[in-house]
Amino acid sequence: MYQDMKKLYWWPNMKADISTYVRKYLTCAKVKAEHQRPSGLLVQPEIPVRKWDNITMDFVTKLPKSPQGYDTIWVIVYRLTKSAIFAPIRETYSIEKLAKLYLKEVVARHEIPVSIICDRDPRFA
């Protein structure tokens, strides 16, 4: 609607006013074109067959600092058994330091997992 109206009219905060109007007006809300790509279907990961094949990882951040200076917990969960490793870390740890901790806590104790599921944390990009 904004693109059509800006050809004929203009006023301060025009785009915000039109956006508010379209959002609140029932007819506009019903016919409004969606400007996002449709999301795909959620896919349930397969149930693991072996004990240490599949793990999930995430960070619990913004915690109060411990006496040792830790402010984050790295949670690593084995999907089949739901057993977990909770590793205290500092939010500022580099990817190299996280890799060493991963080798010590996961690979050395168990084996290399077939798959790892994690969110889009920038540390893993």
PDB file of N, CA and C in Angstrom:
ATOM      1  N   MET A   1       0.826  -1.178   0.000  1.00  0.00           N
ATOM      2  CA  MET A   1       0.000   0.000   0.000  1.00  0.00           C
ATOM      3  C   MET A   1       0.877   1.251   0.000  1.00  0.00           C
ATOM      4  N   TYR A   2       1.965   1.214   0.756  1.00  0.00           N
ATOM      5  CA  TYR A   2       2.853   2.376   0.821  1.00  0.00           C
ATOM      6  C   TYR A   2       3.404   2.724  -0.556  1.00  0.00           C
ATOM      7  N   GLN A   3       3.832   1.710  -1.308  1.00  0.00           N
ATOM      8  CA  GLN A   3       4.399   1.953  -2.642  1.00  0.00           C
ATOM      9  C   GLN A   3       3.385   2.647  -3.544  1.00  0.00           C
ATOM     10  N   ASP A   4       2.124   2.261  -3.458  1.00  0.00           N
ATOM     11  CA  ASP A   4       1.084   2.887  -4.277  1.00  0.00           C
ATOM     12  C   ASP A   4       0.821   4.323  -3.839  1.00  0.00           C
ATOM     13  N   MET A   5       0.762   4.543  -2.546  1.00  0.00           N
ATOM     14  CA  MET A   5       0.411   5.880  -2.049  1.00  0.00           C
ATOM     15  C   MET A   5       1.540   6.881  -2.202  1.00  0.00           C
ATOM     16  N   LYS A   6       2.788   6.431  -2.127  1.00  0.00           N
ATOM     17  CA  LYS A   6       3.891   7.393  -2.202  1.00  0.00           C
ATOM     18  C   LYS A   6       3.996   8.044  -3.581  1.00  0.00           C
ATOM     19  N   LYS A   7       3.374   7.435  -4.592  1.00  0.00           N
ATOM     20  CA  LYS A   7       3.353   8.042  -5.930  1.00  0.00           C
ATOM     21  C   LYS A   7       2.451   9.272  -5.964  1.00  0.00           C
ATOM     22  N   LEU A   8       1.450   9.306  -5.093  1.00  0.00           N
ATOM     23  CA  LEU A   8       0.468  10.395  -5.119  1.00  0.00           C
ATOM     24  C   LEU A   8       0.553  11.335  -3.920  1.00  0.00           C
ATOM     25  N   TYR A   9       1.010  10.834  -2.773  1.00  0.00           N
ATOM     26  CA  TYR A   9       0.979  11.623  -1.541  1.00  0.00           C
ATOM     27  C   TYR A   9       2.298  11.510  -0.794  1.00  0.00           C
ATOM     28  N   TRP A  10       2.485  12.445   0.135  1.00  0.00           N
ATOM     29  CA  TRP A  10       3.618  12.400   1.045  1.00  0.00           C
ATOM     30  C   TRP A  10       3.275  13.180   2.301  1.00  0.00           C
ATOM     31  N   TRP A  11       3.665  12.686   3.458  1.00  0.00           N
ATOM     32  CA  TRP A  11       3.608  13.400   4.728  1.00  0.00           C
ATOM     33  C   TRP A  11       4.644  12.801   5.658  1.00  0.00           C
ATOM     34  N   PRO A  12       5.056  13.544   6.670  1.00  0.00           N
ATOM     35  CA  PRO A  12       6.063  13.020   7.602  1.00  0.00           C
ATOM     36  C   PRO A  12       5.548  11.726   8.260  1.00  0.00           C
ATOM     37  N   ASN A  13       6.436  10.771   8.409  1.00  0.00           N
ATOM     38  CA  ASN A  13       6.118   9.466   9.016  1.00  0.00           C
ATOM     39  C   ASN A  13       5.051   8.695   8.240  1.00  0.00           C
ATOM     40  N   MET A  14       4.991   8.938   6.944  1.00  0.00           N
ATOM     41  CA  MET A  14       3.965   8.308   6.109  1.00  0.00           C
ATOM     42  C   MET A  14       4.041   6.779   6.158  1.00  0.00           C
ATOM     43  N   LYS A  15       5.235   6.236   6.042  1.00  0.00           N
ATOM     44  CA  LYS A  15       5.389   4.776   6.003  1.00  0.00           C
ATOM     45  C   LYS A  15       4.914   4.142   7.313  1.00  0.00           C
ATOM     46  N   ALA A  16       5.272   4.736   8.438  1.00  0.00           N
ATOM     47  CA  ALA A  16       4.857   4.206   9.745  1.00  0.00           C
ATOM     48  C   ALA A  16       3.347   4.306   9.915  1.00  0.00           C
ATOM     49  N   ASP A  17       2.757   5.419   9.485  1.00  0.00           N
ATOM     50  CA  ASP A  17       1.305   5.591   9.592  1.00  0.00           C
ATOM     51  C   ASP A  17       0.566   4.537   8.768  1.00  0.00           C
ATOM     52  N   ILE A  18       1.027   4.312   7.543  1.00  0.00           N
ATOM     53  CA  ILE A  18       0.378   3.327   6.677  1.00  0.00           C
ATOM     54  C   ILE A  18       0.541   1.929   7.257  1.00  0.00           C
ATOM     55  N   SER A  19       1.712   1.632   7.773  1.00  0.00           N
ATOM     56  CA  SER A  19       1.953   0.318   8.373  1.00  0.00           C
ATOM     57  C   SER A  19       1.016   0.074   9.549  1.00  0.00           C
ATOM     58  N   THR A  20       0.843   1.072  10.400  1.00  0.00           N
ATOM     59  CA  THR A  20      -0.061   0.957  11.544  1.00  0.00           C
ATOM     60  C   THR A  20      -1.494   0.758  11.077  1.00  0.00           C
ATOM     61  N   TYR A  21      -1.911   1.526  10.082  1.00  0.00           N
ATOM     62  CA  TYR A  21      -3.271   1.425   9.557  1.00  0.00           C
ATOM     63  C   TYR A  21      -3.535   0.033   8.984  1.00  0.00           C
ATOM     64  N   VAL A  22      -2.612  -0.458   8.172  1.00  0.00           N
ATOM     65  CA  VAL A  22      -2.788  -1.771   7.546  1.00  0.00           C
ATOM     66  C   VAL A  22      -2.835  -2.872   8.602  1.00  0.00           C
ATOM     67  N   ARG A  23      -1.999  -2.749   9.617  1.00  0.00           N
ATOM     68  CA  ARG A  23      -1.952  -3.766  10.669  1.00  0.00           C
ATOM     69  C   ARG A  23      -3.259  -3.809  11.467  1.00  0.00           C
ATOM     70  N   LYS A  24      -3.889  -2.649  11.689  1.00  0.00           N
ATOM     71  CA  LYS A  24      -5.086  -2.585  12.524  1.00  0.00           C
ATOM     72  C   LYS A  24      -6.390  -2.751  11.745  1.00  0.00           C
ATOM     73  N   TYR A  25      -6.390  -2.422  10.459  1.00  0.00           N
ATOM     74  CA  TYR A  25      -7.611  -2.478   9.670  1.00  0.00           C
ATOM     75  C   TYR A  25      -7.843  -3.911   9.209  1.00  0.00           C
ATOM     76  N   LEU A  26      -8.969  -4.513   9.580  1.00  0.00           N
ATOM     77  CA  LEU A  26      -9.227  -5.930   9.367  1.00  0.00           C
ATOM     78  C   LEU A  26      -9.144  -6.336   7.896  1.00  0.00           C
ATOM     79  N   THR A  27      -9.747  -5.551   7.006  1.00  0.00           N
ATOM     80  CA  THR A  27      -9.727  -5.903   5.582  1.00  0.00           C
ATOM     81  C   THR A  27      -8.302  -5.929   5.051  1.00  0.00           C
ATOM     82  N   CYS A  28      -7.488  -4.940   5.417  1.00  0.00           N
ATOM     83  CA  CYS A  28      -6.087  -4.905   4.975  1.00  0.00           C
ATOM     84  C   CYS A  28      -5.316  -6.094   5.544  1.00  0.00           C
ATOM     85  N   ALA A  29      -5.563  -6.402   6.801  1.00  0.00           N
ATOM     86  CA  ALA A  29      -4.846  -7.507   7.439  1.00  0.00           C
ATOM     87  C   ALA A  29      -5.171  -8.840   6.766  1.00  0.00           C
ATOM     88  N   LYS A  30      -6.409  -9.000   6.279  1.00  0.00           N
ATOM     89  CA  LYS A  30      -6.809 -10.252   5.638  1.00  0.00           C
ATOM     90  C   LYS A  30      -6.174 -10.439   4.272  1.00  0.00           C
ATOM     91  N   VAL A  31      -5.995  -9.350   3.512  1.00  0.00           N
ATOM     92  CA  VAL A  31      -5.499  -9.477   2.140  1.00  0.00           C
ATOM     93  C   VAL A  31      -4.036  -9.094   1.993  1.00  0.00           C
ATOM     94  N   LYS A  32      -3.396  -8.714   3.096  1.00  0.00           N
ATOM     95  CA  LYS A  32      -2.000  -8.283   3.034  1.00  0.00           C
ATOM     96  C   LYS A  32      -1.112  -9.401   2.488  1.00  0.00           C
ATOM     97  N   ALA A  33      -0.291  -9.064   1.516  1.00  0.00           N
ATOM     98  CA  ALA A  33       0.638 -10.046   0.946  1.00  0.00           C
ATOM     99  C   ALA A  33       1.770 -10.294   1.930  1.00  0.00           C
ATOM    100  N   GLU A  34       2.107 -11.527   2.100  1.00  0.00           N
ATOM    101  CA  GLU A  34       3.227 -11.879   2.975  1.00  0.00           C
ATOM    102  C   GLU A  34       4.526 -11.661   2.215  1.00  0.00           C
ATOM    103  N   HIS A  35       5.471 -10.947   2.825  1.00  0.00           N
ATOM    104  CA  HIS A  35       6.726 -10.599   2.165  1.00  0.00           C
ATOM    105  C   HIS A  35       7.890 -11.476   2.601  1.00  0.00           C
ATOM    106  N   GLN A  36       7.600 -12.590   3.206  1.00  0.00           N
ATOM    107  CA  GLN A  36       8.655 -13.509   3.620  1.00  0.00           C
ATOM    108  C   GLN A  36       8.516 -14.806   2.843  1.00  0.00           C
ATOM    109  N   ARG A  37       9.646 -15.449   2.647  1.00  0.00           N
ATOM    110  CA  ARG A  37       9.604 -16.764   2.013  1.00  0.00           C
ATOM    111  C   ARG A  37       8.900 -17.726   2.956  1.00  0.00           C
ATOM    112  N   PRO A  38       8.059 -18.596   2.425  1.00  0.00           N
ATOM    113  CA  PRO A  38       7.417 -19.565   3.315  1.00  0.00           C
ATOM    114  C   PRO A  38       8.457 -20.473   3.956  1.00  0.00           C
ATOM    115  N   SER A  39       8.286 -20.708   5.234  1.00  0.00           N
ATOM    116  CA  SER A  39       9.251 -21.560   5.927  1.00  0.00           C
ATOM    117  C   SER A  39       8.982 -23.015   5.578  1.00  0.00           C
ATOM    118  N   GLY A  40      10.024 -23.803   5.635  1.00  0.00           N
ATOM    119  CA  GLY A  40       9.887 -25.225   5.339  1.00  0.00           C
ATOM    120  C   GLY A  40       9.235 -25.955   6.493  1.00  0.00           C
ATOM    121  N   LEU A  41       8.898 -27.184   6.260  1.00  0.00           N
ATOM    122  CA  LEU A  41       8.307 -28.002   7.304  1.00  0.00           C
ATOM    123  C   LEU A  41       9.373 -28.394   8.319  1.00  0.00           C
ATOM    124  N   LEU A  42       8.974 -28.455   9.573  1.00  0.00           N
ATOM    125  CA  LEU A  42       9.897 -28.914  10.601  1.00  0.00           C
ATOM    126  C   LEU A  42      10.129 -30.405  10.422  1.00  0.00           C
ATOM    127  N   VAL A  43      11.355 -30.799  10.558  1.00  0.00           N
ATOM    128  CA  VAL A  43      11.705 -32.203  10.386  1.00  0.00           C
ATOM    129  C   VAL A  43      12.262 -32.729  11.701  1.00  0.00           C
ATOM    130  N   GLN A  44      11.635 -33.772  12.207  1.00  0.00           N
ATOM    131  CA  GLN A  44      12.110 -34.396  13.437  1.00  0.00           C
ATOM    132  C   GLN A  44      13.383 -35.178  13.138  1.00  0.00           C
ATOM    133  N   PRO A  45      14.474 -34.900  13.845  1.00  0.00           N
ATOM    134  CA  PRO A  45      15.686 -35.702  13.623  1.00  0.00           C
ATOM    135  C   PRO A  45      15.423 -37.171  13.942  1.00  0.00           C
ATOM    136  N   GLU A  46      16.084 -38.038  13.209  1.00  0.00           N
ATOM    137  CA  GLU A  46      15.914 -39.477  13.436  1.00  0.00           C
ATOM    138  C   GLU A  46      16.383 -39.857  14.840  1.00  0.00           C
ATOM    139  N   ILE A  47      15.745 -40.864  15.396  1.00  0.00           N
ATOM    140  CA  ILE A  47      16.148 -41.360  16.709  1.00  0.00           C
ATOM    141  C   ILE A  47      17.472 -42.099  16.546  1.00  0.00           C
ATOM    142  N   PRO A  48      18.475 -41.748  17.357  1.00  0.00           N
ATOM    143  CA  PRO A  48      19.781 -42.404  17.228  1.00  0.00           C
ATOM    144  C   PRO A  48      19.695 -43.898  17.537  1.00  0.00           C
ATOM    145  N   VAL A  49      20.572 -44.647  16.904  1.00  0.00           N
ATOM    146  CA  VAL A  49      20.617 -46.093  17.115  1.00  0.00           C
ATOM    147  C   VAL A  49      21.669 -46.445  18.162  1.00  0.00           C
ATOM    148  N   ARG A  50      22.816 -45.785  18.087  1.00  0.00           N
ATOM    149  CA  ARG A  50      23.910 -46.056  19.026  1.00  0.00           C
ATOM    150  C   ARG A  50      23.988 -44.958  20.072  1.00  0.00           C
ATOM    151  N   LYS A  51      24.606 -45.294  21.179  1.00  0.00           N
ATOM    152  CA  LYS A  51      24.614 -44.431  22.354  1.00  0.00           C
ATOM    153  C   LYS A  51      25.199 -43.040  22.122  1.00  0.00           C
ATOM    154  N   TRP A  52      26.327 -42.900  21.488  1.00  0.00           N
ATOM    155  CA  TRP A  52      26.983 -41.597  21.389  1.00  0.00           C
ATOM    156  C   TRP A  52      26.964 -41.026  19.969  1.00  0.00           C
ATOM    157  N   ASP A  53      26.056 -41.515  19.126  1.00  0.00           N
ATOM    158  CA  ASP A  53      26.027 -41.078  17.725  1.00  0.00           C
ATOM    159  C   ASP A  53      25.601 -39.626  17.531  1.00  0.00           C
ATOM    160  N   ASN A  54      24.597 -39.189  18.262  1.00  0.00           N
ATOM    161  CA  ASN A  54      24.017 -37.871  18.030  1.00  0.00           C
ATOM    162  C   ASN A  54      23.997 -37.053  19.309  1.00  0.00           C
ATOM    163  N   ILE A  55      24.472 -35.809  19.208  1.00  0.00           N
ATOM    164  CA  ILE A  55      24.451 -34.917  20.362  1.00  0.00           C
ATOM    165  C   ILE A  55      23.842 -33.579  19.958  1.00  0.00           C
ATOM    166  N   THR A  56      23.382 -32.848  20.964  1.00  0.00           N
ATOM    167  CA  THR A  56      22.944 -31.466  20.765  1.00  0.00           C
ATOM    168  C   THR A  56      23.768 -30.590  21.694  1.00  0.00           C
ATOM    169  N   MET A  57      23.972 -29.347  21.277  1.00  0.00           N
ATOM    170  CA  MET A  57      24.768 -28.412  22.083  1.00  0.00           C
ATOM    171  C   MET A  57      24.081 -27.055  22.125  1.00  0.00           C
ATOM    172  N   ASP A  58      24.212 -26.380  23.249  1.00  0.00           N
ATOM    173  CA  ASP A  58      23.734 -25.008  23.375  1.00  0.00           C
ATOM    174  C   ASP A  58      24.472 -24.345  24.528  1.00  0.00           C
ATOM    175  N   PHE A  59      24.371 -23.030  24.580  1.00  0.00           N
ATOM    176  CA  PHE A  59      25.004 -22.250  25.638  1.00  0.00           C
ATOM    177  C   PHE A  59      23.937 -21.589  26.493  1.00  0.00           C
ATOM    178  N   VAL A  60      24.113 -21.647  27.808  1.00  0.00           N
ATOM    179  CA  VAL A  60      23.299 -20.878  28.741  1.00  0.00           C
ATOM    180  C   VAL A  60      24.179 -19.697  29.130  1.00  0.00           C
ATOM    181  N   THR A  61      23.791 -18.502  28.699  1.00  0.00           N
ATOM    182  CA  THR A  61      24.654 -17.330  28.852  1.00  0.00           C
ATOM    183  C   THR A  61      24.079 -16.308  29.827  1.00  0.00           C
ATOM    184  N   LYS A  62      24.861 -15.277  30.055  1.00  0.00           N
ATOM    185  CA  LYS A  62      24.485 -14.130  30.896  1.00  0.00           C
ATOM    186  C   LYS A  62      24.184 -14.534  32.335  1.00  0.00           C
ATOM    187  N   LEU A  63      24.923 -15.517  32.831  1.00  0.00           N
ATOM    188  CA  LEU A  63      24.775 -15.938  34.221  1.00  0.00           C
ATOM    189  C   LEU A  63      25.654 -15.070  35.111  1.00  0.00           C
ATOM    190  N   PRO A  64      25.344 -14.985  36.403  1.00  0.00           N
ATOM    191  CA  PRO A  64      26.247 -14.271  37.310  1.00  0.00           C
ATOM    192  C   PRO A  64      27.601 -14.979  37.335  1.00  0.00           C
ATOM    193  N   LYS A  65      28.664 -14.213  37.441  1.00  0.00           N
ATOM    194  CA  LYS A  65      30.013 -14.805  37.434  1.00  0.00           C
ATOM    195  C   LYS A  65      30.239 -15.640  38.681  1.00  0.00           C
ATOM    196  N   SER A  66      30.835 -16.801  38.458  1.00  0.00           N
ATOM    197  CA  SER A  66      31.216 -17.667  39.571  1.00  0.00           C
ATOM    198  C   SER A  66      32.520 -17.127  40.163  1.00  0.00           C
ATOM    199  N   PRO A  67      32.940 -17.632  41.329  1.00  0.00           N
ATOM    200  CA  PRO A  67      34.225 -17.186  41.889  1.00  0.00           C
ATOM    201  C   PRO A  67      35.407 -17.440  40.944  1.00  0.00           C
ATOM    202  N   GLN A  68      35.272 -18.436  40.054  1.00  0.00           N
ATOM    203  CA  GLN A  68      36.344 -18.729  39.087  1.00  0.00           C
ATOM    204  C   GLN A  68      36.220 -17.887  37.817  1.00  0.00           C
ATOM    205  N   GLY A  69      35.180 -17.063  37.726  1.00  0.00           N
ATOM    206  CA  GLY A  69      35.004 -16.185  36.571  1.00  0.00           C
ATOM    207  C   GLY A  69      34.137 -16.744  35.461  1.00  0.00           C
ATOM    208  N   TYR A  70      33.525 -17.907  35.678  1.00  0.00           N
ATOM    209  CA  TYR A  70      32.657 -18.488  34.655  1.00  0.00           C
ATOM    210  C   TYR A  70      31.316 -17.755  34.623  1.00  0.00           C
ATOM    211  N   ASP A  71      30.805 -17.487  33.416  1.00  0.00           N
ATOM    212  CA  ASP A  71      29.518 -16.807  33.277  1.00  0.00           C
ATOM    213  C   ASP A  71      28.591 -17.495  32.267  1.00  0.00           C
ATOM    214  N   THR A  72      29.000 -18.665  31.796  1.00  0.00           N
ATOM    215  CA  THR A  72      28.249 -19.402  30.776  1.00  0.00           C
ATOM    216  C   THR A  72      28.367 -20.895  31.055  1.00  0.00           C
ATOM    217  N   ILE A  73      27.331 -21.641  30.694  1.00  0.00           N
ATOM    218  CA  ILE A  73      27.385 -23.101  30.779  1.00  0.00           C
ATOM    219  C   ILE A  73      27.183 -23.655  29.374  1.00  0.00           C
ATOM    220  N   TRP A  74      28.097 -24.516  28.955  1.00  0.00           N
ATOM    221  CA  TRP A  74      27.983 -25.196  27.669  1.00  0.00           C
ATOM    222  C   TRP A  74      27.295 -26.525  27.946  1.00  0.00           C
ATOM    223  N   VAL A  75      26.103 -26.700  27.401  1.00  0.00           N
ATOM    224  CA  VAL A  75      25.303 -27.899  27.626  1.00  0.00           C
ATOM    225  C   VAL A  75      25.427 -28.807  26.405  1.00  0.00           C
ATOM    226  N   ILE A  76      25.889 -30.024  26.624  1.00  0.00           N
ATOM    227  CA  ILE A  76      26.034 -31.021  25.560  1.00  0.00           C
ATOM    228  C   ILE A  76      25.186 -32.223  25.969  1.00  0.00           C
ATOM    229  N   VAL A  77      24.177 -32.556  25.159  1.00  0.00           N
ATOM    230  CA  VAL A  77      23.231 -33.624  25.498  1.00  0.00           C
ATOM    231  C   VAL A  77      23.338 -34.750  24.477  1.00  0.00           C
ATOM    232  N   TYR A  78      23.422 -35.976  24.972  1.00  0.00           N
ATOM    233  CA  TYR A  78      23.403 -37.159  24.120  1.00  0.00           C
ATOM    234  C   TYR A  78      21.945 -37.504  23.867  1.00  0.00           C
ATOM    235  N   ARG A  79      21.536 -37.477  22.613  1.00  0.00           N
ATOM    236  CA  ARG A  79      20.121 -37.577  22.268  1.00  0.00           C
ATOM    237  C   ARG A  79      19.481 -38.909  22.646  1.00  0.00           C
ATOM    238  N   LEU A  80      20.181 -40.004  22.557  1.00  0.00           N
ATOM    239  CA  LEU A  80      19.567 -41.304  22.839  1.00  0.00           C
ATOM    240  C   LEU A  80      19.276 -41.478  24.327  1.00  0.00           C
ATOM    241  N   THR A  81      20.246 -41.178  25.164  1.00  0.00           N
ATOM    242  CA  THR A  81      20.099 -41.408  26.604  1.00  0.00           C
ATOM    243  C   THR A  81      19.651 -40.169  27.368  1.00  0.00           C
ATOM    244  N   LYS A  82      19.738 -39.013  26.740  1.00  0.00           N
ATOM    245  CA  LYS A  82      19.442 -37.720  27.375  1.00  0.00           C
ATOM    246  C   LYS A  82      20.418 -37.389  28.504  1.00  0.00           C
ATOM    247  N   SER A  83      21.527 -38.105  28.576  1.00  0.00           N
ATOM    248  CA  SER A  83      22.546 -37.734  29.553  1.00  0.00           C
ATOM    249  C   SER A  83      23.242 -36.478  29.044  1.00  0.00           C
ATOM    250  N   ALA A  84      23.753 -35.683  29.964  1.00  0.00           N
ATOM    251  CA  ALA A  84      24.280 -34.382  29.576  1.00  0.00           C
ATOM    252  C   ALA A  84      25.606 -34.087  30.245  1.00  0.00           C
ATOM    253  N   ILE A  85      26.356 -33.221  29.598  1.00  0.00           N
ATOM    254  CA  ILE A  85      27.582 -32.656  30.150  1.00  0.00           C
ATOM    255  C   ILE A  85      27.321 -31.168  30.305  1.00  0.00           C
ATOM    256  N   PHE A  86      27.620 -30.636  31.485  1.00  0.00           N
ATOM    257  CA  PHE A  86      27.477 -29.210  31.742  1.00  0.00           C
ATOM    258  C   PHE A  86      28.872 -28.660  32.009  1.00  0.00           C
ATOM    259  N   ALA A  87      29.407 -27.930  31.056  1.00  0.00           N
ATOM    260  CA  ALA A  87      30.775 -27.424  31.174  1.00  0.00           C
ATOM    261  C   ALA A  87      30.750 -25.926  31.465  1.00  0.00           C
ATOM    262  N   PRO A  88      31.287 -25.513  32.617  1.00  0.00           N
ATOM    263  CA  PRO A  88      31.353 -24.076  32.889  1.00  0.00           C
ATOM    264  C   PRO A  88      32.424 -23.434  32.016  1.00  0.00           C
ATOM    265  N   ILE A  89      32.069 -22.330  31.372  1.00  0.00           N
ATOM    266  CA  ILE A  89      33.012 -21.613  30.509  1.00  0.00           C
ATOM    267  C   ILE A  89      32.808 -20.117  30.687  1.00  0.00           C
ATOM    268  N   ARG A  90      33.692 -19.367  30.090  1.00  0.00           N
ATOM    269  CA  ARG A  90      33.520 -17.918  30.019  1.00  0.00           C
ATOM    270  C   ARG A  90      32.952 -17.586  28.645  1.00  0.00           C
ATOM    271  N   GLU A  91      32.069 -16.612  28.590  1.00  0.00           N
ATOM    272  CA  GLU A  91      31.436 -16.243  27.319  1.00  0.00           C
ATOM    273  C   GLU A  91      32.461 -15.793  26.283  1.00  0.00           C
ATOM    274  N   THR A  92      33.613 -15.367  26.732  1.00  0.00           N
ATOM    275  CA  THR A  92      34.646 -14.856  25.825  1.00  0.00           C
ATOM    276  C   THR A  92      35.578 -15.937  25.291  1.00  0.00           C
ATOM    277  N   TYR A  93      35.346 -17.207  25.639  1.00  0.00           N
ATOM    278  CA  TYR A  93      36.217 -18.281  25.146  1.00  0.00           C
ATOM    279  C   TYR A  93      36.254 -18.279  23.624  1.00  0.00           C
ATOM    280  N   SER A  94      37.441 -18.494  23.085  1.00  0.00           N
ATOM    281  CA  SER A  94      37.608 -18.585  21.628  1.00  0.00           C
ATOM    282  C   SER A  94      37.135 -19.950  21.146  1.00  0.00           C
ATOM    283  N   ILE A  95      36.948 -20.080  19.846  1.00  0.00           N
ATOM    284  CA  ILE A  95      36.541 -21.364  19.275  1.00  0.00           C
ATOM    285  C   ILE A  95      37.627 -22.414  19.490  1.00  0.00           C
ATOM    286  N   GLU A  96      38.887 -21.989  19.517  1.00  0.00           N
ATOM    287  CA  GLU A  96      39.984 -22.926  19.764  1.00  0.00           C
ATOM    288  C   GLU A  96      39.886 -23.518  21.168  1.00  0.00           C
ATOM    289  N   LYS A  97      39.582 -22.666  22.144  1.00  0.00           N
ATOM    290  CA  LYS A  97      39.456 -23.138  23.522  1.00  0.00           C
ATOM    291  C   LYS A  97      38.238 -24.061  23.666  1.00  0.00           C
ATOM    292  N   LEU A  98      37.153 -23.724  22.969  1.00  0.00           N
ATOM    293  CA  LEU A  98      35.970 -24.582  22.994  1.00  0.00           C
ATOM    294  C   LEU A  98      36.262 -25.932  22.342  1.00  0.00           C
ATOM    295  N   ALA A  99      37.044 -25.925  21.270  1.00  0.00           N
ATOM    296  CA  ALA A  99      37.400 -27.177  20.584  1.00  0.00           C
ATOM    297  C   ALA A  99      38.213 -28.084  21.510  1.00  0.00           C
ATOM    298  N   LYS A 100      39.164 -27.507  22.244  1.00  0.00           N
ATOM    299  CA  LYS A 100      39.960 -28.303  23.192  1.00  0.00           C
ATOM    300  C   LYS A 100      39.077 -28.898  24.287  1.00  0.00           C
ATOM    301  N   LEU A 101      38.155 -28.091  24.784  1.00  0.00           N
ATOM    302  CA  LEU A 101      37.241 -28.567  25.817  1.00  0.00           C
ATOM    303  C   LEU A 101      36.332 -29.676  25.267  1.00  0.00           C
ATOM    304  N   TYR A 102      35.886 -29.529  24.033  1.00  0.00           N
ATOM    305  CA  TYR A 102      35.061 -30.549  23.375  1.00  0.00           C
ATOM    306  C   TYR A 102      35.821 -31.870  23.249  1.00  0.00           C
ATOM    307  N   LEU A 103      37.070 -31.787  22.830  1.00  0.00           N
ATOM    308  CA  LEU A 103      37.890 -32.998  22.711  1.00  0.00           C
ATOM    309  C   LEU A 103      38.065 -33.677  24.070  1.00  0.00           C
ATOM    310  N   LYS A 104      38.271 -32.876  25.112  1.00  0.00           N
ATOM    311  CA  LYS A 104      38.486 -33.412  26.454  1.00  0.00           C
ATOM    312  C   LYS A 104      37.201 -34.005  27.043  1.00  0.00           C
ATOM    313  N   GLU A 105      36.087 -33.305  26.893  1.00  0.00           N
ATOM    314  CA  GLU A 105      34.840 -33.719  27.546  1.00  0.00           C
ATOM    315  C   GLU A 105      34.036 -34.745  26.754  1.00  0.00           C
ATOM    316  N   VAL A 106      34.096 -34.695  25.427  1.00  0.00           N
ATOM    317  CA  VAL A 106      33.257 -35.576  24.612  1.00  0.00           C
ATOM    318  C   VAL A 106      34.072 -36.677  23.949  1.00  0.00           C
ATOM    319  N   VAL A 107      35.005 -36.291  23.106  1.00  0.00           N
ATOM    320  CA  VAL A 107      35.734 -37.272  22.296  1.00  0.00           C
ATOM    321  C   VAL A 107      36.584 -38.194  23.163  1.00  0.00           C
ATOM    322  N   ALA A 108      37.300 -37.653  24.131  1.00  0.00           N
ATOM    323  CA  ALA A 108      38.177 -38.479  24.964  1.00  0.00           C
ATOM    324  C   ALA A 108      37.385 -39.460  25.830  1.00  0.00           C
ATOM    325  N   ARG A 109      36.195 -39.079  26.271  1.00  0.00           N
ATOM    326  CA  ARG A 109      35.399 -39.938  27.147  1.00  0.00           C
ATOM    327  C   ARG A 109      34.530 -40.932  26.391  1.00  0.00           C
ATOM    328  N   HIS A 110      34.137 -40.576  25.193  1.00  0.00           N
ATOM    329  CA  HIS A 110      33.191 -41.421  24.460  1.00  0.00           C
ATOM    330  C   HIS A 110      33.757 -41.716  23.074  1.00  0.00           C
ATOM    331  N   GLU A 111      33.280 -41.021  22.080  1.00  0.00           N
ATOM    332  CA  GLU A 111      33.800 -41.138  20.720  1.00  0.00           C
ATOM    333  C   GLU A 111      33.298 -39.944  19.919  1.00  0.00           C
ATOM    334  N   ILE A 112      33.722 -39.848  18.686  1.00  0.00           N
ATOM    335  CA  ILE A 112      33.281 -38.733  17.845  1.00  0.00           C
ATOM    336  C   ILE A 112      31.846 -39.002  17.409  1.00  0.00           C
ATOM    337  N   PRO A 113      30.915 -38.077  17.678  1.00  0.00           N
ATOM    338  CA  PRO A 113      29.531 -38.299  17.272  1.00  0.00           C
ATOM    339  C   PRO A 113      29.367 -38.225  15.752  1.00  0.00           C
ATOM    340  N   VAL A 114      28.333 -38.898  15.270  1.00  0.00           N
ATOM    341  CA  VAL A 114      28.022 -38.878  13.843  1.00  0.00           C
ATOM    342  C   VAL A 114      27.411 -37.536  13.453  1.00  0.00           C
ATOM    343  N   SER A 115      26.565 -36.976  14.327  1.00  0.00           N
ATOM    344  CA  SER A 115      25.952 -35.680  14.032  1.00  0.00           C
ATOM    345  C   SER A 115      25.855 -34.830  15.290  1.00  0.00           C
ATOM    346  N   ILE A 116      25.903 -33.518  15.067  1.00  0.00           N
ATOM    347  CA  ILE A 116      25.787 -32.536  16.142  1.00  0.00           C
ATOM    348  C   ILE A 116      24.707 -31.552  15.727  1.00  0.00           C
ATOM    349  N   ILE A 117      23.741 -31.329  16.605  1.00  0.00           N
ATOM    350  CA  ILE A 117      22.692 -30.345  16.354  1.00  0.00           C
ATOM    351  C   ILE A 117      22.924 -29.186  17.307  1.00  0.00           C
ATOM    352  N   CYS A 118      22.983 -27.974  16.763  1.00  0.00           N
ATOM    353  CA  CYS A 118      23.126 -26.781  17.598  1.00  0.00           C
ATOM    354  C   CYS A 118      22.405 -25.625  16.916  1.00  0.00           C
ATOM    355  N   ASP A 119      22.202 -24.557  17.674  1.00  0.00           N
ATOM    356  CA  ASP A 119      21.587 -23.385  17.070  1.00  0.00           C
ATOM    357  C   ASP A 119      22.626 -22.641  16.238  1.00  0.00           C
ATOM    358  N   ARG A 120      22.275 -21.489  15.752  1.00  0.00           N
ATOM    359  CA  ARG A 120      23.172 -20.750  14.860  1.00  0.00           C
ATOM    360  C   ARG A 120      24.087 -19.804  15.636  1.00  0.00           C
ATOM    361  N   ASP A 121      24.695 -20.299  16.658  1.00  0.00           N
ATOM    362  CA  ASP A 121      25.603 -19.472  17.443  1.00  0.00           C
ATOM    363  C   ASP A 121      26.770 -19.026  16.568  1.00  0.00           C
ATOM    364  N   PRO A 122      27.113 -17.737  16.599  1.00  0.00           N
ATOM    365  CA  PRO A 122      28.209 -17.235  15.757  1.00  0.00           C
ATOM    366  C   PRO A 122      29.547 -17.916  16.022  1.00  0.00           C
ATOM    367  N   ARG A 123      29.711 -18.494  17.201  1.00  0.00           N
ATOM    368  CA  ARG A 123      30.974 -19.177  17.500  1.00  0.00           C
ATOM    369  C   ARG A 123      31.205 -20.371  16.590  1.00  0.00           C
ATOM    370  N   PHE A 124      30.141 -20.958  16.060  1.00  0.00           N
ATOM    371  CA  PHE A 124      30.267 -22.139  15.217  1.00  0.00           C
ATOM    372  C   PHE A 124      30.196 -21.819  13.734  1.00  0.00           C
ATOM    373  N   ALA A 125      30.106 -20.552  13.394  1.00  0.00           N
ATOM    374  CA  ALA A 125      29.988 -20.171  11.966  1.00  0.00           C
ATOM    375  C   ALA A 125      31.325 -20.265  11.259  1.00  0.00           C
TER     376      ALA A 125
END
